[in-house]
Amino acid sequence: MAPAPSSTYSAITLNINGEKHQLTADHRTTLLDALRERLDLTGTKKGCDQGQCGACTVLIDGRRAVSCLQLAVAAEGREITTIEGVAEGERLHPVQQAFLAFDGYQCGYCTPGQICSAVAVIEEHAAGWPSAVTDDVRPEAGPPPLTADEIRERMSGNLCRCGAYVSIVQAVARAAAVQAESDEVTEAVA
């Protein structure tokens, strides 16, 4: 049974994958622990618990975040997407499809965090955000080419202990191409 709200606990509502979850949480509870231990959303993995491996990456308001460093109480009122919410019903997200097609996983432990990061990477790139390897960072230059170096740099916060990096880079490139094609079709129809 959850403890009653007090000076160290708060009743919070987390909006996760489009569904509201109410719980009472200790102010020190990380979002990762709330997801896994309190809400049984175990797709998000606990790796290093120090923000260094990326296994716990989720999307908060569309931006990637390592949930082991995010307090649950600070996530209240924000839109949280975990690996369980990336697909649209039974239809896999293009990133998930690409990870399957290119074997962008080995043991699979880091895969949920890799996929959540890749979803954000593709959006960040499309919005023209530069990375540390982007040659021309001027806003008017637009998005840089999404080269393997760009993908590696943008995904560098996610470690794969099995070494599936070559396949992960290929999967992200393919998913970005599919997303770009989809966006072009949508613009042409509109």
C-alpha atoms as a PDB file:
ATOM      1  CA  MET A   1       0.000   0.000   0.000  1.00  0.00           C
ATOM      2  CA  ALA A   2       1.280   3.437  -0.884  1.00  0.00           C
ATOM      3  CA  PRO A   3       2.154   5.760   1.972  1.00  0.00           C
ATOM      4  CA  ALA A   4       0.009   8.831   2.494  1.00  0.00           C
ATOM      5  CA  PRO A   5       1.326  12.150   1.169  1.00  0.00           C
ATOM      6  CA  SER A   6       3.648  13.827   3.667  1.00  0.00           C
ATOM      7  CA  SER A   7       6.578  16.214   3.636  1.00  0.00           C
ATOM      8  CA  THR A   8       8.716  13.574   1.862  1.00  0.00           C
ATOM      9  CA  TYR A   9       6.001  12.039  -0.335  1.00  0.00           C
ATOM     10  CA  SER A  10       3.702  13.584  -2.928  1.00  0.00           C
ATOM     11  CA  ALA A  11       0.661  12.364  -4.792  1.00  0.00           C
ATOM     12  CA  ILE A  12       1.558  12.773  -8.451  1.00  0.00           C
ATOM     13  CA  THR A  13       0.001  12.062 -11.821  1.00  0.00           C
ATOM     14  CA  LEU A  14       2.331  10.937 -14.582  1.00  0.00           C
ATOM     15  CA  ASN A  15       1.177  11.075 -18.205  1.00  0.00           C
ATOM     16  CA  ILE A  16       2.880   8.035 -19.715  1.00  0.00           C
ATOM     17  CA  ASN A  17       2.208   6.840 -23.256  1.00  0.00           C
ATOM     18  CA  GLY A  18      -0.992   8.887 -23.354  1.00  0.00           C
ATOM     19  CA  GLU A  19      -2.367   7.384 -20.139  1.00  0.00           C
ATOM     20  CA  LYS A  20      -2.505   9.064 -16.740  1.00  0.00           C
ATOM     21  CA  HIS A  21      -1.053   7.157 -13.785  1.00  0.00           C
ATOM     22  CA  GLN A  22      -1.621   8.355 -10.224  1.00  0.00           C
ATOM     23  CA  LEU A  23       0.738   7.344  -7.470  1.00  0.00           C
ATOM     24  CA  THR A  24       2.232   8.510  -4.234  1.00  0.00           C
ATOM     25  CA  ALA A  25       5.988   8.767  -4.545  1.00  0.00           C
ATOM     26  CA  ASP A  26       8.882   9.586  -2.307  1.00  0.00           C
ATOM     27  CA  HIS A  27      10.438  12.818  -3.577  1.00  0.00           C
ATOM     28  CA  ARG A  28      13.699  10.941  -4.177  1.00  0.00           C
ATOM     29  CA  THR A  29      12.108   8.317  -6.455  1.00  0.00           C
ATOM     30  CA  THR A  30      13.556   8.425  -9.934  1.00  0.00           C
ATOM     31  CA  LEU A  31      11.318   8.265 -12.953  1.00  0.00           C
ATOM     32  CA  LEU A  32      13.047   4.985 -13.861  1.00  0.00           C
ATOM     33  CA  ASP A  33      12.115   3.388 -10.537  1.00  0.00           C
ATOM     34  CA  ALA A  34       8.557   4.725 -10.742  1.00  0.00           C
ATOM     35  CA  LEU A  35       8.176   3.259 -14.232  1.00  0.00           C
ATOM     36  CA  ARG A  36       9.651  -0.147 -13.410  1.00  0.00           C
ATOM     37  CA  GLU A  37       8.794  -0.728  -9.759  1.00  0.00           C
ATOM     38  CA  ARG A  38       5.530   1.153  -9.322  1.00  0.00           C
ATOM     39  CA  LEU A  39       3.886   1.052 -12.763  1.00  0.00           C
ATOM     40  CA  ASP A  40       5.221  -2.267 -14.145  1.00  0.00           C
ATOM     41  CA  LEU A  41       6.513  -0.573 -17.310  1.00  0.00           C
ATOM     42  CA  THR A  42       9.651  -2.687 -17.448  1.00  0.00           C
ATOM     43  CA  GLY A  43      10.651  -1.992 -21.058  1.00  0.00           C
ATOM     44  CA  THR A  44      12.820   0.857 -19.807  1.00  0.00           C
ATOM     45  CA  LYS A  45      15.966  -0.802 -18.491  1.00  0.00           C
ATOM     46  CA  LYS A  46      18.147  -0.030 -15.501  1.00  0.00           C
ATOM     47  CA  GLY A  47      21.777  -0.148 -16.569  1.00  0.00           C
ATOM     48  CA  CYS A  48      24.307   1.987 -14.754  1.00  0.00           C
ATOM     49  CA  ASP A  49      21.832   4.049 -12.671  1.00  0.00           C
ATOM     50  CA  GLN A  50      24.221   7.000 -13.179  1.00  0.00           C
ATOM     51  CA  GLY A  51      23.087   8.463 -16.517  1.00  0.00           C
ATOM     52  CA  GLN A  52      26.046   7.081 -18.452  1.00  0.00           C
ATOM     53  CA  CYS A  53      24.743   4.092 -20.441  1.00  0.00           C
ATOM     54  CA  GLY A  54      21.426   5.276 -21.928  1.00  0.00           C
ATOM     55  CA  ALA A  55      19.567   1.996 -21.245  1.00  0.00           C
ATOM     56  CA  CYS A  56      16.873   3.941 -19.379  1.00  0.00           C
ATOM     57  CA  THR A  57      16.288   6.551 -22.105  1.00  0.00           C
ATOM     58  CA  VAL A  58      12.696   7.710 -22.494  1.00  0.00           C
ATOM     59  CA  LEU A  59      11.126  10.687 -24.253  1.00  0.00           C
ATOM     60  CA  ILE A  60       9.892  13.568 -22.127  1.00  0.00           C
ATOM     61  CA  ASP A  61       7.920  16.125 -24.117  1.00  0.00           C
ATOM     62  CA  GLY A  62       9.491  14.586 -27.227  1.00  0.00           C
ATOM     63  CA  ARG A  63      13.079  15.003 -26.044  1.00  0.00           C
ATOM     64  CA  ARG A  64      15.236  12.171 -24.825  1.00  0.00           C
ATOM     65  CA  ALA A  65      16.096  11.896 -21.170  1.00  0.00           C
ATOM     66  CA  VAL A  66      17.824   9.320 -19.026  1.00  0.00           C
ATOM     67  CA  SER A  67      15.103   8.390 -16.578  1.00  0.00           C
ATOM     68  CA  CYS A  68      17.558   7.292 -13.867  1.00  0.00           C
ATOM     69  CA  LEU A  69      18.509  10.959 -13.340  1.00  0.00           C
ATOM     70  CA  GLN A  70      14.983  12.375 -13.622  1.00  0.00           C
ATOM     71  CA  LEU A  71      12.926  12.582 -10.445  1.00  0.00           C
ATOM     72  CA  ALA A  72       9.378  11.272 -10.838  1.00  0.00           C
ATOM     73  CA  VAL A  73       7.903  14.331  -9.094  1.00  0.00           C
ATOM     74  CA  ALA A  74       9.664  16.585 -11.625  1.00  0.00           C
ATOM     75  CA  ALA A  75       8.058  14.683 -14.509  1.00  0.00           C
ATOM     76  CA  GLU A  76       4.514  15.453 -13.410  1.00  0.00           C
ATOM     77  CA  GLY A  77       2.574  17.342 -16.069  1.00  0.00           C
ATOM     78  CA  ARG A  78       4.948  16.302 -18.840  1.00  0.00           C
ATOM     79  CA  GLU A  79       4.343  13.881 -21.709  1.00  0.00           C
ATOM     80  CA  ILE A  80       6.433  10.767 -21.103  1.00  0.00           C
ATOM     81  CA  THR A  81       6.905   8.146 -23.814  1.00  0.00           C
ATOM     82  CA  THR A  82       8.531   4.833 -22.979  1.00  0.00           C
ATOM     83  CA  ILE A  83       9.385   2.015 -25.373  1.00  0.00           C
ATOM     84  CA  GLU A  84       5.900   0.628 -24.699  1.00  0.00           C
ATOM     85  CA  GLY A  85       4.395   3.764 -26.251  1.00  0.00           C
ATOM     86  CA  VAL A  86       6.588   4.196 -29.326  1.00  0.00           C
ATOM     87  CA  ALA A  87       4.524   1.955 -31.636  1.00  0.00           C
ATOM     88  CA  GLU A  88       1.101   3.023 -32.875  1.00  0.00           C
ATOM     89  CA  GLY A  89      -1.048   0.147 -31.687  1.00  0.00           C
ATOM     90  CA  GLU A  90       0.113  -2.974 -33.500  1.00  0.00           C
ATOM     91  CA  ARG A  91       2.054  -0.941 -36.099  1.00  0.00           C
ATOM     92  CA  LEU A  92       5.709  -0.627 -35.203  1.00  0.00           C
ATOM     93  CA  HIS A  93       7.423   2.748 -35.356  1.00  0.00           C
ATOM     94  CA  PRO A  94       9.819   3.042 -38.349  1.00  0.00           C
ATOM     95  CA  VAL A  95      12.755   2.932 -35.920  1.00  0.00           C
ATOM     96  CA  GLN A  96      11.511  -0.333 -34.431  1.00  0.00           C
ATOM     97  CA  GLN A  97      11.043  -1.772 -37.935  1.00  0.00           C
ATOM     98  CA  ALA A  98      14.545  -0.725 -38.927  1.00  0.00           C
ATOM     99  CA  PHE A  99      16.082  -2.249 -35.797  1.00  0.00           C
ATOM    100  CA  LEU A 100      14.413  -5.526 -36.731  1.00  0.00           C
ATOM    101  CA  ALA A 101      15.404  -5.307 -40.398  1.00  0.00           C
ATOM    102  CA  PHE A 102      19.062  -4.478 -39.706  1.00  0.00           C
ATOM    103  CA  ASP A 103      19.524  -6.569 -36.541  1.00  0.00           C
ATOM    104  CA  GLY A 104      20.204  -3.436 -34.510  1.00  0.00           C
ATOM    105  CA  TYR A 105      20.248  -5.445 -31.319  1.00  0.00           C
ATOM    106  CA  GLN A 106      22.086  -8.389 -29.820  1.00  0.00           C
ATOM    107  CA  CYS A 107      20.992  -9.286 -26.301  1.00  0.00           C
ATOM    108  CA  GLY A 108      18.314  -6.585 -26.497  1.00  0.00           C
ATOM    109  CA  TYR A 109      18.975  -5.017 -23.112  1.00  0.00           C
ATOM    110  CA  CYS A 110      19.957  -1.601 -24.490  1.00  0.00           C
ATOM    111  CA  THR A 111      17.484  -1.727 -27.379  1.00  0.00           C
ATOM    112  CA  PRO A 112      14.571   0.150 -25.717  1.00  0.00           C
ATOM    113  CA  GLY A 113      16.864   3.057 -24.834  1.00  0.00           C
ATOM    114  CA  GLN A 114      18.524   2.933 -28.250  1.00  0.00           C
ATOM    115  CA  ILE A 115      15.128   3.089 -29.979  1.00  0.00           C
ATOM    116  CA  CYS A 116      13.851   5.968 -27.839  1.00  0.00           C
ATOM    117  CA  SER A 117      17.083   7.870 -28.519  1.00  0.00           C
ATOM    118  CA  ALA A 118      16.895   7.153 -32.239  1.00  0.00           C
ATOM    119  CA  VAL A 119      13.330   8.487 -32.409  1.00  0.00           C
ATOM    120  CA  ALA A 120      14.531  11.747 -30.845  1.00  0.00           C
ATOM    121  CA  VAL A 121      17.718  11.850 -32.954  1.00  0.00           C
ATOM    122  CA  ILE A 122      15.684  11.716 -36.154  1.00  0.00           C
ATOM    123  CA  GLU A 123      13.429  14.539 -34.932  1.00  0.00           C
ATOM    124  CA  GLU A 124      16.384  16.645 -33.758  1.00  0.00           C
ATOM    125  CA  HIS A 125      18.125  16.167 -37.106  1.00  0.00           C
ATOM    126  CA  ALA A 126      15.000  17.039 -39.093  1.00  0.00           C
ATOM    127  CA  ALA A 127      14.627  20.205 -37.009  1.00  0.00           C
ATOM    128  CA  GLY A 128      18.169  21.212 -38.019  1.00  0.00           C
ATOM    129  CA  TRP A 129      19.842  20.763 -34.638  1.00  0.00           C
ATOM    130  CA  PRO A 130      23.602  20.481 -35.101  1.00  0.00           C
ATOM    131  CA  SER A 131      25.803  17.907 -33.397  1.00  0.00           C
ATOM    132  CA  ALA A 132      29.458  18.040 -32.398  1.00  0.00           C
ATOM    133  CA  VAL A 133      30.444  16.753 -35.863  1.00  0.00           C
ATOM    134  CA  THR A 134      28.188  19.053 -37.908  1.00  0.00           C
ATOM    135  CA  ASP A 135      30.330  21.099 -40.287  1.00  0.00           C
ATOM    136  CA  ASP A 136      27.982  24.046 -40.887  1.00  0.00           C
ATOM    137  CA  VAL A 137      26.009  24.943 -37.765  1.00  0.00           C
ATOM    138  CA  ARG A 138      24.336  28.054 -39.168  1.00  0.00           C
ATOM    139  CA  PRO A 139      20.527  27.767 -38.925  1.00  0.00           C
ATOM    140  CA  GLU A 140      20.125  28.783 -42.565  1.00  0.00           C
ATOM    141  CA  ALA A 141      22.265  25.795 -43.585  1.00  0.00           C
ATOM    142  CA  GLY A 142      19.397  23.484 -42.603  1.00  0.00           C
ATOM    143  CA  PRO A 143      19.811  19.920 -41.457  1.00  0.00           C
ATOM    144  CA  PRO A 144      23.237  18.473 -42.211  1.00  0.00           C
ATOM    145  CA  PRO A 145      23.431  15.230 -44.166  1.00  0.00           C
ATOM    146  CA  LEU A 146      22.632  12.371 -41.788  1.00  0.00           C
ATOM    147  CA  THR A 147      25.923  10.564 -42.279  1.00  0.00           C
ATOM    148  CA  ALA A 148      27.168   7.620 -40.248  1.00  0.00           C
ATOM    149  CA  ASP A 149      29.390  10.040 -38.306  1.00  0.00           C
ATOM    150  CA  GLU A 150      26.375  12.232 -37.495  1.00  0.00           C
ATOM    151  CA  ILE A 151      24.369   9.220 -36.328  1.00  0.00           C
ATOM    152  CA  ARG A 152      27.230   7.876 -34.208  1.00  0.00           C
ATOM    153  CA  GLU A 153      27.743  11.244 -32.540  1.00  0.00           C
ATOM    154  CA  ARG A 154      24.038  11.781 -31.909  1.00  0.00           C
ATOM    155  CA  MET A 155      23.592   8.252 -30.510  1.00  0.00           C
ATOM    156  CA  SER A 156      26.793   8.367 -28.428  1.00  0.00           C
ATOM    157  CA  GLY A 157      24.913   8.551 -25.128  1.00  0.00           C
ATOM    158  CA  ASN A 158      23.623   5.007 -25.631  1.00  0.00           C
ATOM    159  CA  LEU A 159      26.023   2.136 -25.035  1.00  0.00           C
ATOM    160  CA  CYS A 160      25.641  -1.352 -26.482  1.00  0.00           C
ATOM    161  CA  ARG A 161      27.772  -3.800 -24.582  1.00  0.00           C
ATOM    162  CA  CYS A 162      27.280  -6.396 -27.345  1.00  0.00           C
ATOM    163  CA  GLY A 163      28.745  -4.082 -29.991  1.00  0.00           C
ATOM    164  CA  ALA A 164      25.822  -3.857 -32.421  1.00  0.00           C
ATOM    165  CA  TYR A 165      26.809  -0.313 -33.370  1.00  0.00           C
ATOM    166  CA  VAL A 166      27.200  -0.926 -37.114  1.00  0.00           C
ATOM    167  CA  SER A 167      23.670  -2.304 -37.320  1.00  0.00           C
ATOM    168  CA  ILE A 168      22.297   0.430 -35.062  1.00  0.00           C
ATOM    169  CA  VAL A 169      23.752   3.137 -37.339  1.00  0.00           C
ATOM    170  CA  GLN A 170      22.249   1.414 -40.390  1.00  0.00           C
ATOM    171  CA  ALA A 171      18.878   1.100 -38.659  1.00  0.00           C
ATOM    172  CA  VAL A 172      18.796   4.779 -37.663  1.00  0.00           C
ATOM    173  CA  ALA A 173      19.766   5.841 -41.210  1.00  0.00           C
ATOM    174  CA  ARG A 174      17.007   3.678 -42.699  1.00  0.00           C
ATOM    175  CA  ALA A 175      14.389   4.902 -40.222  1.00  0.00           C
ATOM    176  CA  ALA A 176      15.358   8.513 -40.953  1.00  0.00           C
ATOM    177  CA  ALA A 177      14.966   7.872 -44.688  1.00  0.00           C
ATOM    178  CA  VAL A 178      11.551   6.266 -44.151  1.00  0.00           C
ATOM    179  CA  GLN A 179      10.493   9.200 -41.950  1.00  0.00           C
ATOM    180  CA  ALA A 180      11.670  11.713 -44.580  1.00  0.00           C
ATOM    181  CA  GLU A 181       9.743   9.856 -47.315  1.00  0.00           C
ATOM    182  CA  SER A 182       6.634   9.815 -45.130  1.00  0.00           C
ATOM    183  CA  ASP A 183       6.963  13.546 -44.428  1.00  0.00           C
ATOM    184  CA  GLU A 184       7.290  14.268 -48.171  1.00  0.00           C
ATOM    185  CA  VAL A 185       4.137  12.290 -48.922  1.00  0.00           C
ATOM    186  CA  THR A 186       2.256  14.086 -46.158  1.00  0.00           C
ATOM    187  CA  GLU A 187       3.366  17.494 -47.488  1.00  0.00           C
ATOM    188  CA  ALA A 188       2.390  16.547 -51.050  1.00  0.00           C
ATOM    189  CA  VAL A 189      -1.104  15.491 -49.925  1.00  0.00           C
ATOM    190  CA  ALA A 190      -1.625  18.629 -47.859  1.00  0.00           C
END
